[in-house]
PDB file of N, CA and C in Angstrom:
ATOM      1  N   MET A   1       0.635  14.293  14.430  1.00  0.00           N
ATOM      2  CA  MET A   1      -0.044  15.547  14.681  1.00  0.00           C
ATOM      3  C   MET A   1       0.684  16.334  15.761  1.00  0.00           C
ATOM      4  N   GLU A   2       1.246  15.610  16.684  1.00  0.00           N
ATOM      5  CA  GLU A   2       1.973  16.274  17.766  1.00  0.00           C
ATOM      6  C   GLU A   2       3.159  17.063  17.220  1.00  0.00           C
ATOM      7  N   ASP A   3       3.807  16.526  16.177  1.00  0.00           N
ATOM      8  CA  ASP A   3       4.944  17.227  15.575  1.00  0.00           C
ATOM      9  C   ASP A   3       4.515  18.580  15.009  1.00  0.00           C
ATOM     10  N   ILE A   4       3.372  18.618  14.390  1.00  0.00           N
ATOM     11  CA  ILE A   4       2.871  19.867  13.804  1.00  0.00           C
ATOM     12  C   ILE A   4       2.561  20.884  14.901  1.00  0.00           C
ATOM     13  N   GLN A   5       1.948  20.425  15.967  1.00  0.00           N
ATOM     14  CA  GLN A   5       1.639  21.336  17.073  1.00  0.00           C
ATOM     15  C   GLN A   5       2.915  21.898  17.693  1.00  0.00           C
ATOM     16  N   LEU A   6       3.902  21.037  17.886  1.00  0.00           N
ATOM     17  CA  LEU A   6       5.178  21.499  18.429  1.00  0.00           C
ATOM     18  C   LEU A   6       5.877  22.453  17.465  1.00  0.00           C
ATOM     19  N   ALA A   7       5.751  22.182  16.171  1.00  0.00           N
ATOM     20  CA  ALA A   7       6.358  23.069  15.178  1.00  0.00           C
ATOM     21  C   ALA A   7       5.729  24.460  15.252  1.00  0.00           C
ATOM     22  N   ILE A   8       4.419  24.512  15.402  1.00  0.00           N
ATOM     23  CA  ILE A   8       3.728  25.803  15.503  1.00  0.00           C
ATOM     24  C   ILE A   8       4.171  26.552  16.746  1.00  0.00           C
ATOM     25  N   LEU A   9       4.276  25.831  17.858  1.00  0.00           N
ATOM     26  CA  LEU A   9       4.744  26.470  19.098  1.00  0.00           C
ATOM     27  C   LEU A   9       6.175  26.988  18.947  1.00  0.00           C
ATOM     28  N   ASN A  10       7.032  26.197  18.301  1.00  0.00           N
ATOM     29  CA  ASN A  10       8.412  26.630  18.095  1.00  0.00           C
ATOM     30  C   ASN A  10       8.484  27.842  17.168  1.00  0.00           C
ATOM     31  N   ALA A  11       7.626  27.881  16.174  1.00  0.00           N
ATOM     32  CA  ALA A  11       7.599  29.042  15.272  1.00  0.00           C
ATOM     33  C   ALA A  11       7.139  30.280  16.029  1.00  0.00           C
ATOM     34  N   ALA A  12       6.146  30.108  16.894  1.00  0.00           N
ATOM     35  CA  ALA A  12       5.633  31.238  17.670  1.00  0.00           C
ATOM     36  C   ALA A  12       6.681  31.756  18.660  1.00  0.00           C
ATOM     37  N   GLU A  13       7.524  30.841  19.149  1.00  0.00           N
ATOM     38  CA  GLU A  13       8.558  31.223  20.106  1.00  0.00           C
ATOM     39  C   GLU A  13       9.872  31.603  19.423  1.00  0.00           C
ATOM     40  N   SER A  14       9.859  31.744  18.117  1.00  0.00           N
ATOM     41  CA  SER A  14      11.046  32.115  17.331  1.00  0.00           C
ATOM     42  C   SER A  14      12.205  31.145  17.527  1.00  0.00           C
ATOM     43  N   LYS A  15      11.905  29.852  17.382  1.00  0.00           N
ATOM     44  CA  LYS A  15      12.932  28.811  17.457  1.00  0.00           C
ATOM     45  C   LYS A  15      12.979  28.089  16.102  1.00  0.00           C
ATOM     46  N   PRO A  16      13.685  28.664  15.132  1.00  0.00           N
ATOM     47  CA  PRO A  16      13.659  28.115  13.773  1.00  0.00           C
ATOM     48  C   PRO A  16      14.237  26.702  13.644  1.00  0.00           C
ATOM     49  N   LEU A  17      15.278  26.388  14.386  1.00  0.00           N
ATOM     50  CA  LEU A  17      15.864  25.047  14.281  1.00  0.00           C
ATOM     51  C   LEU A  17      14.917  23.980  14.821  1.00  0.00           C
ATOM     52  N   ASP A  18      14.259  24.282  15.939  1.00  0.00           N
ATOM     53  CA  ASP A  18      13.280  23.336  16.488  1.00  0.00           C
ATOM     54  C   ASP A  18      12.068  23.205  15.561  1.00  0.00           C
ATOM     55  N   PHE A  19      11.651  24.330  14.981  1.00  0.00           N
ATOM     56  CA  PHE A  19      10.556  24.322  14.018  1.00  0.00           C
ATOM     57  C   PHE A  19      10.907  23.414  12.836  1.00  0.00           C
ATOM     58  N   LYS A  20      12.104  23.587  12.311  1.00  0.00           N
ATOM     59  CA  LYS A  20      12.559  22.787  11.178  1.00  0.00           C
ATOM     60  C   LYS A  20      12.565  21.296  11.519  1.00  0.00           C
ATOM     61  N   GLN A  21      13.061  20.961  12.686  1.00  0.00           N
ATOM     62  CA  GLN A  21      13.136  19.559  13.098  1.00  0.00           C
ATOM     63  C   GLN A  21      11.748  18.946  13.247  1.00  0.00           C
ATOM     64  N   GLN A  22      10.820  19.684  13.813  1.00  0.00           N
ATOM     65  CA  GLN A  22       9.465  19.166  13.992  1.00  0.00           C
ATOM     66  C   GLN A  22       8.755  18.966  12.647  1.00  0.00           C
ATOM     67  N   ILE A  23       8.943  19.894  11.729  1.00  0.00           N
ATOM     68  CA  ILE A  23       8.362  19.755  10.388  1.00  0.00           C
ATOM     69  C   ILE A  23       8.977  18.554   9.676  1.00  0.00           C
ATOM     70  N   TYR A  24      10.275  18.404   9.788  1.00  0.00           N
ATOM     71  CA  TYR A  24      10.954  17.265   9.188  1.00  0.00           C
ATOM     72  C   TYR A  24      10.415  15.952   9.754  1.00  0.00           C
ATOM     73  N   SER A  25      10.242  15.887  11.061  1.00  0.00           N
ATOM     74  CA  SER A  25       9.709  14.674  11.695  1.00  0.00           C
ATOM     75  C   SER A  25       8.295  14.372  11.216  1.00  0.00           C
ATOM     76  N   ALA A  26       7.474  15.404  11.094  1.00  0.00           N
ATOM     77  CA  ALA A  26       6.092  15.218  10.629  1.00  0.00           C
ATOM     78  C   ALA A  26       6.076  14.701   9.192  1.00  0.00           C
ATOM     79  N   LEU A  27       6.908  15.277   8.334  1.00  0.00           N
ATOM     80  CA  LEU A  27       6.963  14.827   6.937  1.00  0.00           C
ATOM     81  C   LEU A  27       7.489  13.399   6.835  1.00  0.00           C
ATOM     82  N   GLN A  28       8.480  13.094   7.629  1.00  0.00           N
ATOM     83  CA  GLN A  28       9.045  11.756   7.621  1.00  0.00           C
ATOM     84  C   GLN A  28       7.988  10.720   8.040  1.00  0.00           C
ATOM     85  N   ALA A  29       7.206  11.035   9.041  1.00  0.00           N
ATOM     86  CA  ALA A  29       6.152  10.128   9.494  1.00  0.00           C
ATOM     87  C   ALA A  29       5.098   9.934   8.402  1.00  0.00           C
ATOM     88  N   LYS A  30       4.728  11.008   7.709  1.00  0.00           N
ATOM     89  CA  LYS A  30       3.736  10.913   6.631  1.00  0.00           C
ATOM     90  C   LYS A  30       4.250  10.042   5.489  1.00  0.00           C
ATOM     91  N   VAL A  31       5.504  10.231   5.100  1.00  0.00           N
ATOM     92  CA  VAL A  31       6.083   9.442   4.012  1.00  0.00           C
ATOM     93  C   VAL A  31       6.155   7.972   4.411  1.00  0.00           C
ATOM     94  N   TYR A  32       6.566   7.685   5.638  1.00  0.00           N
ATOM     95  CA  TYR A  32       6.653   6.310   6.122  1.00  0.00           C
ATOM     96  C   TYR A  32       5.275   5.646   6.079  1.00  0.00           C
ATOM     97  N   ASP A  33       4.254   6.341   6.565  1.00  0.00           N
ATOM     98  CA  ASP A  33       2.895   5.795   6.544  1.00  0.00           C
ATOM     99  C   ASP A  33       2.423   5.534   5.116  1.00  0.00           C
ATOM    100  N   ALA A  34       2.708   6.449   4.217  1.00  0.00           N
ATOM    101  CA  ALA A  34       2.299   6.281   2.819  1.00  0.00           C
ATOM    102  C   ALA A  34       3.005   5.082   2.184  1.00  0.00           C
ATOM    103  N   LEU A  35       4.284   4.899   2.481  1.00  0.00           N
ATOM    104  CA  LEU A  35       5.019   3.757   1.934  1.00  0.00           C
ATOM    105  C   LEU A  35       4.480   2.439   2.469  1.00  0.00           C
ATOM    106  N   GLN A  36       4.191   2.388   3.748  1.00  0.00           N
ATOM    107  CA  GLN A  36       3.645   1.165   4.335  1.00  0.00           C
ATOM    108  C   GLN A  36       2.287   0.826   3.717  1.00  0.00           C
ATOM    109  N   THR A  37       1.464   1.834   3.531  1.00  0.00           N
ATOM    110  CA  THR A  37       0.151   1.626   2.921  1.00  0.00           C
ATOM    111  C   THR A  37       0.303   1.109   1.499  1.00  0.00           C
ATOM    112  N   ARG A  38       1.215   1.683   0.748  1.00  0.00           N
ATOM    113  CA  ARG A  38       1.434   1.264  -0.644  1.00  0.00           C
ATOM    114  C   ARG A  38       1.959  -0.164  -0.703  1.00  0.00           C
ATOM    115  N   LYS A  39       2.847  -0.542   0.222  1.00  0.00           N
ATOM    116  CA  LYS A  39       3.354  -1.910   0.257  1.00  0.00           C
ATOM    117  C   LYS A  39       2.222  -2.898   0.472  1.00  0.00           C
ATOM    118  N   ILE A  40       1.311  -2.570   1.371  1.00  0.00           N
ATOM    119  CA  ILE A  40       0.167  -3.439   1.650  1.00  0.00           C
ATOM    120  C   ILE A  40      -0.730  -3.553   0.420  1.00  0.00           C
ATOM    121  N   GLU A  41      -0.958  -2.443  -0.271  1.00  0.00           N
ATOM    122  CA  GLU A  41      -1.785  -2.459  -1.481  1.00  0.00           C
ATOM    123  C   GLU A  41      -1.158  -3.328  -2.569  1.00  0.00           C
ATOM    124  N   ILE A  42       0.150  -3.197  -2.748  1.00  0.00           N
ATOM    125  CA  ILE A  42       0.839  -3.982  -3.774  1.00  0.00           C
ATOM    126  C   ILE A  42       0.798  -5.466  -3.434  1.00  0.00           C
ATOM    127  N   ALA A  43       1.067  -5.808  -2.185  1.00  0.00           N
ATOM    128  CA  ALA A  43       1.026  -7.207  -1.771  1.00  0.00           C
ATOM    129  C   ALA A  43      -0.378  -7.777  -1.965  1.00  0.00           C
ATOM    130  N   GLY A  44      -1.389  -7.018  -1.616  1.00  0.00           N
ATOM    131  CA  GLY A  44      -2.763  -7.481  -1.793  1.00  0.00           C
ATOM    132  C   GLY A  44      -3.110  -7.697  -3.241  1.00  0.00           C
ATOM    133  N   SER A  45      -2.663  -6.822  -4.113  1.00  0.00           N
ATOM    134  CA  SER A  45      -2.974  -6.973  -5.531  1.00  0.00           C
ATOM    135  C   SER A  45      -2.222  -8.155  -6.135  1.00  0.00           C
ATOM    136  N   MET A  46      -1.032  -8.434  -5.651  1.00  0.00           N
ATOM    137  CA  MET A  46      -0.270  -9.581  -6.164  1.00  0.00           C
ATOM    138  C   MET A  46      -0.993 -10.882  -5.841  1.00  0.00           C
ATOM    139  N   PHE A  47      -1.456 -11.037  -4.615  1.00  0.00           N
ATOM    140  CA  PHE A  47      -2.156 -12.250  -4.231  1.00  0.00           C
ATOM    141  C   PHE A  47      -3.496 -12.354  -4.943  1.00  0.00           C
ATOM    142  N   ARG A  48      -4.167 -11.250  -5.116  1.00  0.00           N
ATOM    143  CA  ARG A  48      -5.456 -11.240  -5.792  1.00  0.00           C
ATOM    144  C   ARG A  48      -5.273 -11.652  -7.253  1.00  0.00           C
ATOM    145  N   ASP A  49      -4.239 -11.161  -7.920  1.00  0.00           N
ATOM    146  CA  ASP A  49      -3.967 -11.517  -9.310  1.00  0.00           C
ATOM    147  C   ASP A  49      -3.625 -12.997  -9.444  1.00  0.00           C
ATOM    148  N   ASN A  50      -2.837 -13.539  -8.523  1.00  0.00           N
ATOM    149  CA  ASN A  50      -2.467 -14.955  -8.569  1.00  0.00           C
ATOM    150  C   ASN A  50      -3.691 -15.843  -8.411  1.00  0.00           C
ATOM    151  N   GLU A  51      -4.581 -15.500  -7.502  1.00  0.00           N
ATOM    152  CA  GLU A  51      -5.786 -16.293  -7.289  1.00  0.00           C
ATOM    153  C   GLU A  51      -6.668 -16.263  -8.525  1.00  0.00           C
ATOM    154  N   THR A  52      -6.774 -15.115  -9.166  1.00  0.00           N
ATOM    155  CA  THR A  52      -7.588 -14.988 -10.370  1.00  0.00           C
ATOM    156  C   THR A  52      -7.012 -15.832 -11.501  1.00  0.00           C
ATOM    157  N   GLU A  53      -5.695 -15.819 -11.688  1.00  0.00           N
ATOM    158  CA  GLU A  53      -5.061 -16.603 -12.739  1.00  0.00           C
ATOM    159  C   GLU A  53      -5.233 -18.094 -12.491  1.00  0.00           C
ATOM    160  N   GLU A  54      -5.076 -18.553 -11.245  1.00  0.00           N
ATOM    161  CA  GLU A  54      -5.220 -19.967 -10.924  1.00  0.00           C
ATOM    162  C   GLU A  54      -6.654 -20.424 -11.162  1.00  0.00           C
ATOM    163  N   THR A  55      -7.621 -19.616 -10.783  1.00  0.00           N
ATOM    164  CA  THR A  55      -9.023 -19.951 -10.981  1.00  0.00           C
ATOM    165  C   THR A  55      -9.346 -20.039 -12.463  1.00  0.00           C
ATOM    166  N   ALA A  56      -8.855 -19.101 -13.242  1.00  0.00           N
ATOM    167  CA  ALA A  56      -9.096 -19.108 -14.684  1.00  0.00           C
ATOM    168  C   ALA A  56      -8.461 -20.334 -15.327  1.00  0.00           C
ATOM    169  N   GLU A  57      -7.271 -20.711 -14.882  1.00  0.00           N
ATOM    170  CA  GLU A  57      -6.588 -21.876 -15.438  1.00  0.00           C
ATOM    171  C   GLU A  57      -7.356 -23.152 -15.132  1.00  0.00           C
ATOM    172  N   ILE A  58      -7.856 -23.289 -13.918  1.00  0.00           N
ATOM    173  CA  ILE A  58      -8.625 -24.469 -13.531  1.00  0.00           C
ATOM    174  C   ILE A  58      -9.922 -24.530 -14.332  1.00  0.00           C
ATOM    175  N   GLU A  59     -10.599 -23.413 -14.488  1.00  0.00           N
ATOM    176  CA  GLU A  59     -11.838 -23.382 -15.260  1.00  0.00           C
ATOM    177  C   GLU A  59     -11.575 -23.750 -16.706  1.00  0.00           C
ATOM    178  N   PHE A  60     -10.462 -23.295 -17.281  1.00  0.00           N
ATOM    179  CA  PHE A  60     -10.118 -23.615 -18.659  1.00  0.00           C
ATOM    180  C   PHE A  60      -9.869 -25.112 -18.807  1.00  0.00           C
ATOM    181  N   GLN A  61      -9.152 -25.710 -17.866  1.00  0.00           N
ATOM    182  CA  GLN A  61      -8.860 -27.133 -17.945  1.00  0.00           C
ATOM    183  C   GLN A  61     -10.134 -27.958 -17.856  1.00  0.00           C
ATOM    184  N   THR A  62     -11.043 -27.596 -16.957  1.00  0.00           N
ATOM    185  CA  THR A  62     -12.281 -28.348 -16.824  1.00  0.00           C
ATOM    186  C   THR A  62     -13.157 -28.199 -18.051  1.00  0.00           C
ATOM    187  N   SER A  63     -13.212 -27.025 -18.630  1.00  0.00           N
ATOM    188  CA  SER A  63     -14.045 -26.846 -19.814  1.00  0.00           C
ATOM    189  C   SER A  63     -13.432 -27.559 -21.012  1.00  0.00           C
ATOM    190  N   SER A  64     -12.114 -27.594 -21.109  1.00  0.00           N
ATOM    191  CA  SER A  64     -11.453 -28.299 -22.210  1.00  0.00           C
ATOM    192  C   SER A  64     -11.661 -29.802 -22.084  1.00  0.00           C
ATOM    193  N   GLU A  65     -11.557 -30.317 -20.887  1.00  0.00           N
ATOM    194  CA  GLU A  65     -11.751 -31.743 -20.665  1.00  0.00           C
ATOM    195  C   GLU A  65     -13.181 -32.143 -20.981  1.00  0.00           C
ATOM    196  N   GLY A  66     -14.127 -31.305 -20.655  1.00  0.00           N
ATOM    197  CA  GLY A  66     -15.530 -31.591 -20.923  1.00  0.00           C
ATOM    198  C   GLY A  66     -15.783 -31.699 -22.414  1.00  0.00           C
ATOM    199  N   ASN A  67     -15.163 -30.883 -23.228  1.00  0.00           N
ATOM    200  CA  ASN A  67     -15.346 -30.921 -24.666  1.00  0.00           C
ATOM    201  C   ASN A  67     -14.742 -32.183 -25.272  1.00  0.00           C
ATOM    202  N   VAL A  68     -13.628 -32.654 -24.733  1.00  0.00           N
ATOM    203  CA  VAL A  68     -12.976 -33.853 -25.245  1.00  0.00           C
ATOM    204  C   VAL A  68     -13.866 -35.047 -25.000  1.00  0.00           C
ATOM    205  N   ASP A  69     -14.448 -35.161 -23.828  1.00  0.00           N
ATOM    206  CA  ASP A  69     -15.327 -36.301 -23.508  1.00  0.00           C
ATOM    207  C   ASP A  69     -16.549 -36.328 -24.400  1.00  0.00           C
ATOM    208  N   GLU A  70     -17.076 -35.194 -24.752  1.00  0.00           N
ATOM    209  CA  GLU A  70     -18.258 -35.147 -25.598  1.00  0.00           C
ATOM    210  C   GLU A  70     -17.960 -35.641 -27.002  1.00  0.00           C
ATOM    211  N   ASP A  71     -16.742 -35.381 -27.498  1.00  0.00           N
ATOM    212  CA  ASP A  71     -16.385 -35.800 -28.840  1.00  0.00           C
ATOM    213  C   ASP A  71     -16.220 -37.319 -28.946  1.00  0.00           C
ATOM    214  N   LEU A  72     -15.877 -37.972 -27.850  1.00  0.00           N
ATOM    215  CA  LEU A  72     -15.677 -39.432 -27.872  1.00  0.00           C
ATOM    216  C   LEU A  72     -17.005 -40.077 -27.809  1.00  0.00           C
TER     217      LEU A  72
END
């Protein structure tokens, strides 16, 4: 947020190069934050999917074993 405020001040003072740099810094910070957030979301979904698959596999094995015992 500080970058945006400085950019506005630089624009008001007719300093285009400083304005450009502050806007660039603000955009860079936003993109970095968005990428970090997305990485966390992807990592969380990967672990969540693995846990779901392992649980389903264990449940399938137990239900299959139960049916075999009943037939004997």
